[in-house]
């Protein structure tokens, strides 16, 4: 993740970019001094916050509520709730027991719990899901395991109480045998 920075003044020595994210935090708007304007140049060329990707590796275990923005890749264990408007990727080594509510979900590993995605859920061939799924789009690759019910798409409009709806079935009449009688 090294970047070539073009446009630095020749009088400024190049600093190595081996700093922590806290040290690279965006600075205040550049003042008229050349030192401040040179320091603002690298941060202006950094990727936007929309490209932020968080990774939980296979040795991470979390119990509780996980909230994030943008993207999260999980290869460890989570037990609890996962909430975000961003994108969740569940790696092959991941083991998740959680209620998940996010924008998009891509699953390669194991998930036990209900999922709600505002856009799309993808179950890859190595996925194992036990729980209900609600999403606008659901894709399931051959080989994926899914045990639960799914609600896919969004209704164009709610059913009206007009004449085109069927009435609910009524109880059997006295001269008809009951079909649900026990043996």
C-alpha atoms as a PDB file:
ATOM      1  CA  UNK A   1       0.000   0.000   0.000  1.00  0.00           C
ATOM      2  CA  UNK A   2       2.827   2.379  -0.803  1.00  0.00           C
ATOM      3  CA  UNK A   3       1.929   5.373  -2.918  1.00  0.00           C
ATOM      4  CA  UNK A   4       4.126   7.556  -5.002  1.00  0.00           C
ATOM      5  CA  UNK A   5       3.426  11.131  -4.051  1.00  0.00           C
ATOM      6  CA  UNK A   6       3.966  13.584  -6.875  1.00  0.00           C
ATOM      7  CA  UNK A   7       4.266  17.299  -6.310  1.00  0.00           C
ATOM      8  CA  UNK A   8       6.213  17.500  -3.053  1.00  0.00           C
ATOM      9  CA  UNK A   9       8.592  20.378  -2.766  1.00  0.00           C
ATOM     10  CA  UNK A  10      12.257  19.531  -3.335  1.00  0.00           C
ATOM     11  CA  UNK A  11      13.314  21.193  -0.049  1.00  0.00           C
ATOM     12  CA  UNK A  12      11.188  18.762   1.984  1.00  0.00           C
ATOM     13  CA  UNK A  13      12.694  15.377   2.745  1.00  0.00           C
ATOM     14  CA  UNK A  14      10.405  12.461   1.955  1.00  0.00           C
ATOM     15  CA  UNK A  15       9.029  10.817   5.064  1.00  0.00           C
ATOM     16  CA  UNK A  16       8.374   7.084   5.200  1.00  0.00           C
ATOM     17  CA  UNK A  17       4.686   6.242   5.300  1.00  0.00           C
ATOM     18  CA  UNK A  18       5.020   3.698   8.109  1.00  0.00           C
ATOM     19  CA  UNK A  19       2.721   5.516  10.498  1.00  0.00           C
ATOM     20  CA  UNK A  20      -0.343   4.430  12.417  1.00  0.00           C
ATOM     21  CA  UNK A  21      -3.805   5.465  11.219  1.00  0.00           C
ATOM     22  CA  UNK A  22      -4.031   7.890  14.151  1.00  0.00           C
ATOM     23  CA  UNK A  23      -0.876   9.661  12.996  1.00  0.00           C
ATOM     24  CA  UNK A  24      -2.240   9.839   9.451  1.00  0.00           C
ATOM     25  CA  UNK A  25      -5.547  11.377  10.511  1.00  0.00           C
ATOM     26  CA  UNK A  26      -6.770  14.168   8.245  1.00  0.00           C
ATOM     27  CA  UNK A  27      -5.263  17.465   9.268  1.00  0.00           C
ATOM     28  CA  UNK A  28      -6.858  20.855   9.475  1.00  0.00           C
ATOM     29  CA  UNK A  29      -7.089  22.775   6.203  1.00  0.00           C
ATOM     30  CA  UNK A  30      -3.659  23.783   4.930  1.00  0.00           C
ATOM     31  CA  UNK A  31      -2.377  27.168   6.002  1.00  0.00           C
ATOM     32  CA  UNK A  32      -0.094  29.412   3.973  1.00  0.00           C
ATOM     33  CA  UNK A  33       3.149  27.818   5.205  1.00  0.00           C
ATOM     34  CA  UNK A  34       4.831  25.343   2.875  1.00  0.00           C
ATOM     35  CA  UNK A  35       5.279  22.786   5.679  1.00  0.00           C
ATOM     36  CA  UNK A  36       1.531  22.480   6.256  1.00  0.00           C
ATOM     37  CA  UNK A  37       0.675  22.381   2.553  1.00  0.00           C
ATOM     38  CA  UNK A  38       3.181  19.555   1.991  1.00  0.00           C
ATOM     39  CA  UNK A  39       1.698  17.567   4.887  1.00  0.00           C
ATOM     40  CA  UNK A  40      -1.809  17.968   3.507  1.00  0.00           C
ATOM     41  CA  UNK A  41      -0.874  16.597   0.074  1.00  0.00           C
ATOM     42  CA  UNK A  42      -0.620  12.871   1.011  1.00  0.00           C
ATOM     43  CA  UNK A  43      -3.897  12.923   2.956  1.00  0.00           C
ATOM     44  CA  UNK A  44      -5.659  14.553   0.025  1.00  0.00           C
ATOM     45  CA  UNK A  45      -4.559  11.679  -2.221  1.00  0.00           C
ATOM     46  CA  UNK A  46      -5.675   8.947   0.179  1.00  0.00           C
ATOM     47  CA  UNK A  47      -8.657   6.819  -0.860  1.00  0.00           C
ATOM     48  CA  UNK A  48     -12.024   8.142   0.208  1.00  0.00           C
ATOM     49  CA  UNK A  49     -13.704   6.902   3.371  1.00  0.00           C
ATOM     50  CA  UNK A  50     -16.129   4.923   1.192  1.00  0.00           C
ATOM     51  CA  UNK A  51     -13.335   2.411   0.489  1.00  0.00           C
ATOM     52  CA  UNK A  52     -12.789   1.557   4.149  1.00  0.00           C
ATOM     53  CA  UNK A  53     -12.549  -2.192   4.703  1.00  0.00           C
ATOM     54  CA  UNK A  54     -12.413  -3.785   8.151  1.00  0.00           C
ATOM     55  CA  UNK A  55     -11.084  -7.316   8.649  1.00  0.00           C
ATOM     56  CA  UNK A  56     -11.593  -9.681  11.584  1.00  0.00           C
ATOM     57  CA  UNK A  57      -9.117 -12.521  11.138  1.00  0.00           C
ATOM     58  CA  UNK A  58      -9.602 -16.159  12.080  1.00  0.00           C
ATOM     59  CA  UNK A  59      -8.139 -15.749  15.570  1.00  0.00           C
ATOM     60  CA  UNK A  60     -10.731 -13.105  16.573  1.00  0.00           C
ATOM     61  CA  UNK A  61     -13.759 -14.034  18.693  1.00  0.00           C
ATOM     62  CA  UNK A  62     -16.466 -11.511  19.543  1.00  0.00           C
ATOM     63  CA  UNK A  63     -19.535 -11.866  21.768  1.00  0.00           C
ATOM     64  CA  UNK A  64     -21.932  -8.930  21.641  1.00  0.00           C
ATOM     65  CA  UNK A  65     -23.067  -6.338  19.137  1.00  0.00           C
ATOM     66  CA  UNK A  66     -20.886  -5.606  16.111  1.00  0.00           C
ATOM     67  CA  UNK A  67     -21.569  -2.321  14.332  1.00  0.00           C
ATOM     68  CA  UNK A  68     -19.539  -1.058  11.400  1.00  0.00           C
ATOM     69  CA  UNK A  69     -19.637   1.270   8.442  1.00  0.00           C
ATOM     70  CA  UNK A  70     -18.704   0.437   4.853  1.00  0.00           C
ATOM     71  CA  UNK A  71     -17.228  -3.115   4.575  1.00  0.00           C
ATOM     72  CA  UNK A  72     -16.469  -5.857   7.097  1.00  0.00           C
ATOM     73  CA  UNK A  73     -14.759  -9.146   6.302  1.00  0.00           C
ATOM     74  CA  UNK A  74     -15.109 -11.759   9.045  1.00  0.00           C
ATOM     75  CA  UNK A  75     -13.017 -14.898   9.184  1.00  0.00           C
ATOM     76  CA  UNK A  76     -13.327 -15.427  12.948  1.00  0.00           C
ATOM     77  CA  UNK A  77     -16.202 -16.115  15.345  1.00  0.00           C
ATOM     78  CA  UNK A  78     -19.039 -13.756  16.233  1.00  0.00           C
ATOM     79  CA  UNK A  79     -21.903 -14.452  18.600  1.00  0.00           C
ATOM     80  CA  UNK A  80     -24.576 -11.778  19.063  1.00  0.00           C
ATOM     81  CA  UNK A  81     -25.815  -9.131  16.615  1.00  0.00           C
ATOM     82  CA  UNK A  82     -24.282  -7.600  13.490  1.00  0.00           C
ATOM     83  CA  UNK A  83     -25.691  -4.259  12.314  1.00  0.00           C
ATOM     84  CA  UNK A  84     -24.677  -2.004   9.449  1.00  0.00           C
ATOM     85  CA  UNK A  85     -25.803  -0.329   6.272  1.00  0.00           C
ATOM     86  CA  UNK A  86     -22.571  -1.560   4.684  1.00  0.00           C
ATOM     87  CA  UNK A  87     -21.392  -4.861   3.233  1.00  0.00           C
ATOM     88  CA  UNK A  88     -20.609  -8.006   5.230  1.00  0.00           C
ATOM     89  CA  UNK A  89     -18.416 -10.797   3.877  1.00  0.00           C
ATOM     90  CA  UNK A  90     -18.326 -14.032   5.882  1.00  0.00           C
ATOM     91  CA  UNK A  91     -15.101 -15.902   5.109  1.00  0.00           C
ATOM     92  CA  UNK A  92     -14.712 -19.688   4.782  1.00  0.00           C
ATOM     93  CA  UNK A  93     -13.286 -20.032   8.307  1.00  0.00           C
ATOM     94  CA  UNK A  94     -15.958 -17.828   9.894  1.00  0.00           C
ATOM     95  CA  UNK A  95     -18.473 -19.211  12.393  1.00  0.00           C
ATOM     96  CA  UNK A  96     -21.269 -16.763  13.125  1.00  0.00           C
ATOM     97  CA  UNK A  97     -24.231 -17.156  15.493  1.00  0.00           C
ATOM     98  CA  UNK A  98     -25.932 -13.822  15.099  1.00  0.00           C
ATOM     99  CA  UNK A  99     -28.894 -11.794  13.975  1.00  0.00           C
ATOM    100  CA  UNK A 100     -27.558  -9.938  10.927  1.00  0.00           C
ATOM    101  CA  UNK A 101     -28.949  -6.692   9.491  1.00  0.00           C
ATOM    102  CA  UNK A 102     -26.791  -5.140   6.762  1.00  0.00           C
ATOM    103  CA  UNK A 103     -26.867  -3.783   3.222  1.00  0.00           C
ATOM    104  CA  UNK A 104     -25.251  -6.714   1.390  1.00  0.00           C
ATOM    105  CA  UNK A 105     -24.077 -10.106   2.648  1.00  0.00           C
ATOM    106  CA  UNK A 106     -21.706 -12.555   0.936  1.00  0.00           C
ATOM    107  CA  UNK A 107     -21.283 -15.882   2.748  1.00  0.00           C
ATOM    108  CA  UNK A 108     -18.505 -18.419   2.268  1.00  0.00           C
ATOM    109  CA  UNK A 109     -18.559 -19.837   5.836  1.00  0.00           C
ATOM    110  CA  UNK A 110     -21.136 -20.877   8.465  1.00  0.00           C
ATOM    111  CA  UNK A 111     -23.934 -18.650   9.731  1.00  0.00           C
ATOM    112  CA  UNK A 112     -26.577 -19.661  12.269  1.00  0.00           C
ATOM    113  CA  UNK A 113     -29.152 -16.901  12.625  1.00  0.00           C
ATOM    114  CA  UNK A 114     -31.606 -14.767  10.727  1.00  0.00           C
ATOM    115  CA  UNK A 115     -30.369 -12.303   8.104  1.00  0.00           C
ATOM    116  CA  UNK A 116     -31.941  -9.154   6.720  1.00  0.00           C
ATOM    117  CA  UNK A 117     -30.224  -7.387   3.832  1.00  0.00           C
ATOM    118  CA  UNK A 118     -31.526  -4.181   2.298  1.00  0.00           C
ATOM    119  CA  UNK A 119     -30.109  -5.261  -1.059  1.00  0.00           C
ATOM    120  CA  UNK A 120     -28.479  -8.648  -1.717  1.00  0.00           C
ATOM    121  CA  UNK A 121     -27.494 -11.933  -0.050  1.00  0.00           C
ATOM    122  CA  UNK A 122     -25.093 -14.304  -1.813  1.00  0.00           C
ATOM    123  CA  UNK A 123     -24.526 -17.866  -0.610  1.00  0.00           C
ATOM    124  CA  UNK A 124     -21.328 -19.213  -2.151  1.00  0.00           C
ATOM    125  CA  UNK A 125     -20.745 -22.937  -2.732  1.00  0.00           C
ATOM    126  CA  UNK A 126     -18.971 -23.396   0.623  1.00  0.00           C
ATOM    127  CA  UNK A 127     -21.696 -21.570   2.625  1.00  0.00           C
ATOM    128  CA  UNK A 128     -23.769 -23.194   5.352  1.00  0.00           C
ATOM    129  CA  UNK A 129     -26.712 -21.115   6.566  1.00  0.00           C
ATOM    130  CA  UNK A 130     -29.285 -22.094   9.150  1.00  0.00           C
ATOM    131  CA  UNK A 131     -31.822 -19.310   9.567  1.00  0.00           C
ATOM    132  CA  UNK A 132     -34.241 -17.112   7.676  1.00  0.00           C
ATOM    133  CA  UNK A 133     -33.183 -14.683   4.956  1.00  0.00           C
ATOM    134  CA  UNK A 134     -34.908 -11.467   3.872  1.00  0.00           C
ATOM    135  CA  UNK A 135     -33.431  -9.600   0.911  1.00  0.00           C
ATOM    136  CA  UNK A 136     -34.280  -7.941  -2.396  1.00  0.00           C
ATOM    137  CA  UNK A 137     -31.972 -10.393  -4.211  1.00  0.00           C
ATOM    138  CA  UNK A 138     -30.869 -13.867  -3.102  1.00  0.00           C
ATOM    139  CA  UNK A 139     -28.315 -15.940  -5.015  1.00  0.00           C
ATOM    140  CA  UNK A 140     -27.370 -19.476  -4.013  1.00  0.00           C
ATOM    141  CA  UNK A 141     -24.505 -21.295  -5.698  1.00  0.00           C
ATOM    142  CA  UNK A 142     -24.568 -25.047  -6.228  1.00  0.00           C
ATOM    143  CA  UNK A 143     -23.222 -26.819  -3.153  1.00  0.00           C
ATOM    144  CA  UNK A 144     -24.368 -24.204  -0.630  1.00  0.00           C
ATOM    145  CA  UNK A 145     -26.450 -25.403   2.324  1.00  0.00           C
ATOM    146  CA  UNK A 146     -29.476 -23.321   3.322  1.00  0.00           C
ATOM    147  CA  UNK A 147     -31.974 -24.416   5.970  1.00  0.00           C
ATOM    148  CA  UNK A 148     -34.654 -21.836   6.626  1.00  0.00           C
ATOM    149  CA  UNK A 149     -37.151 -19.711   4.804  1.00  0.00           C
ATOM    150  CA  UNK A 150     -36.486 -16.840   2.494  1.00  0.00           C
ATOM    151  CA  UNK A 151     -38.370 -13.690   1.623  1.00  0.00           C
ATOM    152  CA  UNK A 152     -37.021 -12.334  -1.633  1.00  0.00           C
ATOM    153  CA  UNK A 153     -37.905  -9.114  -3.409  1.00  0.00           C
ATOM    154  CA  UNK A 154     -40.143  -6.277  -2.383  1.00  0.00           C
ATOM    155  CA  UNK A 155     -43.858  -6.247  -3.132  1.00  0.00           C
ATOM    156  CA  UNK A 156     -44.844  -3.605  -5.661  1.00  0.00           C
ATOM    157  CA  UNK A 157     -47.868  -2.660  -3.570  1.00  0.00           C
ATOM    158  CA  UNK A 158     -49.827  -4.051  -0.671  1.00  0.00           C
ATOM    159  CA  UNK A 159     -52.895  -6.141  -1.525  1.00  0.00           C
ATOM    160  CA  UNK A 160     -56.086  -4.150  -1.520  1.00  0.00           C
ATOM    161  CA  UNK A 161     -59.332  -5.250   0.068  1.00  0.00           C
ATOM    162  CA  UNK A 162     -61.093  -5.125  -3.297  1.00  0.00           C
ATOM    163  CA  UNK A 163     -63.218  -7.802  -4.960  1.00  0.00           C
ATOM    164  CA  UNK A 164     -60.244  -9.624  -6.491  1.00  0.00           C
ATOM    165  CA  UNK A 165     -59.118 -11.140  -3.180  1.00  0.00           C
ATOM    166  CA  UNK A 166     -60.410 -14.557  -2.168  1.00  0.00           C
ATOM    167  CA  UNK A 167     -62.289 -14.962   1.087  1.00  0.00           C
ATOM    168  CA  UNK A 168     -60.761 -17.130   3.789  1.00  0.00           C
ATOM    169  CA  UNK A 169     -61.904 -20.776   3.759  1.00  0.00           C
ATOM    170  CA  UNK A 170     -64.781 -21.440   6.104  1.00  0.00           C
ATOM    171  CA  UNK A 171     -65.263 -24.267   8.573  1.00  0.00           C
ATOM    172  CA  UNK A 172     -66.672 -27.534   7.182  1.00  0.00           C
ATOM    173  CA  UNK A 173     -70.438 -27.788   7.038  1.00  0.00           C
ATOM    174  CA  UNK A 174     -72.307 -30.276   9.233  1.00  0.00           C
ATOM    175  CA  UNK A 175     -72.797 -32.748   6.373  1.00  0.00           C
ATOM    176  CA  UNK A 176     -69.058 -32.778   5.419  1.00  0.00           C
ATOM    177  CA  UNK A 177     -66.526 -34.853   7.355  1.00  0.00           C
ATOM    178  CA  UNK A 178     -63.745 -32.976   9.100  1.00  0.00           C
ATOM    179  CA  UNK A 179     -60.411 -33.637   7.397  1.00  0.00           C
ATOM    180  CA  UNK A 180     -58.291 -32.969  10.452  1.00  0.00           C
ATOM    181  CA  UNK A 181     -59.887 -35.535  12.766  1.00  0.00           C
ATOM    182  CA  UNK A 182     -57.368 -37.679  14.624  1.00  0.00           C
ATOM    183  CA  UNK A 183     -57.145 -41.431  14.153  1.00  0.00           C
END
